[in-house]
Amino acid sequence: MKRTNLQAIRESIRHWMLDIVRPLKADNIIYSSIWASSGESVKCFNTDCAMCILLFTANWCTCCPLSITVGECAAEKSIYRKFRSKPNKETATDMVRALVCTYWAEKNGENDY
């Protein structure tokens, strides 16, 4: 079955909650994209995002629902860039909130492609 935008957004929300927010809430710390507790890489890149896997093209994020709702992840002041520059519970939770808003905008047909 082909993944839809809504499925990809749900997968991205689940990924951020389980793989990033949950460990941060358990007081794990991220240093340079590495979990301090285990030395493993933090899965927070386009290769880990269901929406990026579905939609990422040579044109970057032009038709990504998150990009349409809150701005491209690569933009200087984006929610994602804030997380990357200061990876903590608050910025990760902000990313999840943006994904949830994106889900509802997509579900209600508010994203104009």
Protein backbone atom coordinates (compact mmCIF):
# COMPACT_ATOMS: atom_id res chain seq x y z
CA MET A 1 0.00 0.00 0.00
CA LYS A 2 1.30 3.44 -0.88
CA ARG A 3 1.89 5.70 2.10
CA THR A 4 -0.29 8.83 2.13
CA ASN A 5 0.60 12.24 3.53
CA LEU A 6 -1.62 11.63 6.58
CA GLN A 7 0.01 8.27 7.27
CA ALA A 8 3.46 9.81 6.92
CA ILE A 9 2.57 12.64 9.30
CA ARG A 10 1.23 10.16 11.88
CA GLU A 11 4.41 8.09 11.54
CA SER A 12 6.50 11.24 12.02
CA ILE A 13 4.56 12.20 15.16
CA ARG A 14 5.01 8.71 16.56
CA HIS A 15 8.72 8.75 15.68
CA TRP A 16 9.33 12.10 17.39
CA MET A 17 7.37 11.06 20.49
CA LEU A 18 9.02 7.65 20.90
CA ASP A 19 12.52 8.22 19.58
CA ILE A 20 13.20 11.80 20.65
CA VAL A 21 10.73 13.28 23.18
CA ARG A 22 10.48 10.20 25.41
CA PRO A 23 14.27 9.86 25.90
CA LEU A 24 14.59 13.61 26.52
CA LYS A 25 11.85 13.46 29.15
CA ALA A 26 13.82 10.66 30.81
CA ASP A 27 16.68 13.18 31.14
CA ASN A 28 18.80 11.82 28.29
CA ILE A 29 20.94 14.51 26.73
CA ILE A 30 21.89 15.10 23.10
CA TYR A 31 25.41 16.27 22.20
CA SER A 32 26.09 16.97 18.52
CA SER A 33 23.30 14.63 17.36
CA ILE A 34 24.49 11.82 19.66
CA TRP A 35 22.67 10.48 22.74
CA ALA A 36 25.05 11.04 25.67
CA SER A 37 23.76 7.93 27.48
CA SER A 38 24.38 5.43 24.66
CA GLY A 39 26.59 7.10 22.08
CA GLU A 40 23.99 6.30 19.40
CA SER A 41 23.00 8.77 16.73
CA VAL A 42 19.76 10.68 17.32
CA LYS A 43 17.27 9.83 14.58
CA CYS A 44 16.29 13.37 13.66
CA PHE A 45 17.31 13.74 10.02
CA ASN A 46 15.48 13.52 6.69
CA THR A 47 16.45 9.84 6.41
CA ASP A 48 14.47 9.19 9.62
CA CYS A 49 11.34 11.19 8.76
CA ALA A 50 8.42 9.42 7.10
CA MET A 51 7.36 12.65 5.37
CA CYS A 52 10.87 13.28 4.03
CA ILE A 53 11.12 9.69 2.82
CA LEU A 54 7.78 10.08 1.03
CA LEU A 55 8.19 13.61 -0.34
CA PHE A 56 11.85 14.72 -0.30
CA THR A 57 12.99 15.58 -3.82
CA ALA A 58 15.64 17.61 -5.56
CA ASN A 59 13.38 20.58 -4.88
CA TRP A 60 13.71 20.01 -1.16
CA CYS A 61 10.48 20.35 0.81
CA THR A 62 8.21 22.23 -1.58
CA CYS A 63 5.24 19.86 -1.21
CA CYS A 64 5.82 18.68 2.37
CA PRO A 65 2.74 19.29 4.55
CA LEU A 66 4.94 20.46 7.46
CA SER A 67 6.70 22.93 5.16
CA ILE A 68 3.37 24.31 3.99
CA THR A 69 1.96 24.59 7.54
CA VAL A 70 4.92 25.99 9.50
CA GLY A 71 7.77 26.53 7.03
CA GLU A 72 10.59 24.46 5.60
CA CYS A 73 12.78 22.58 8.07
CA ALA A 74 15.89 24.07 6.45
CA ALA A 75 14.71 27.66 7.04
CA GLU A 76 16.89 29.55 9.50
CA LYS A 77 14.16 30.11 12.12
CA SER A 78 12.21 26.88 11.61
CA ILE A 79 11.02 24.73 14.50
CA TYR A 80 13.29 21.93 13.31
CA ARG A 81 16.36 24.21 13.20
CA LYS A 82 15.54 25.41 16.72
CA PHE A 83 15.54 21.78 17.86
CA ARG A 84 18.83 21.10 16.05
CA SER A 85 20.52 24.12 17.63
CA LYS A 86 19.08 23.49 21.10
CA PRO A 87 17.93 19.85 21.37
CA ASN A 88 15.84 19.58 24.52
CA LYS A 89 12.38 18.55 25.74
CA GLU A 90 10.84 21.91 24.87
CA THR A 91 12.12 22.19 21.31
CA ALA A 92 11.33 18.52 20.60
CA THR A 93 7.80 19.02 21.96
CA ASP A 94 7.43 22.11 19.77
CA MET A 95 8.31 19.92 16.79
CA VAL A 96 5.60 17.43 17.76
CA ARG A 97 3.08 20.26 18.16
CA ALA A 98 3.94 21.49 14.66
CA LEU A 99 3.46 17.97 13.31
CA VAL A 100 0.07 17.68 15.04
CA CYS A 101 -1.03 21.05 13.58
CA THR A 102 0.19 19.84 10.19
CA TYR A 103 -1.82 16.62 10.55
CA TRP A 104 -5.04 18.53 11.20
CA ALA A 105 -4.39 21.06 8.44
CA GLU A 106 -3.81 18.20 6.00
CA LYS A 107 -6.82 16.24 7.24
CA ASN A 108 -9.09 19.29 6.90
CA GLY A 109 -7.78 20.13 3.44
CA GLU A 110 -6.20 23.40 4.55
CA ASN A 111 -2.80 22.73 2.95
CA ASP A 112 -2.83 24.29 -0.51
CA TYR A 113 -0.40 22.57 -2.86
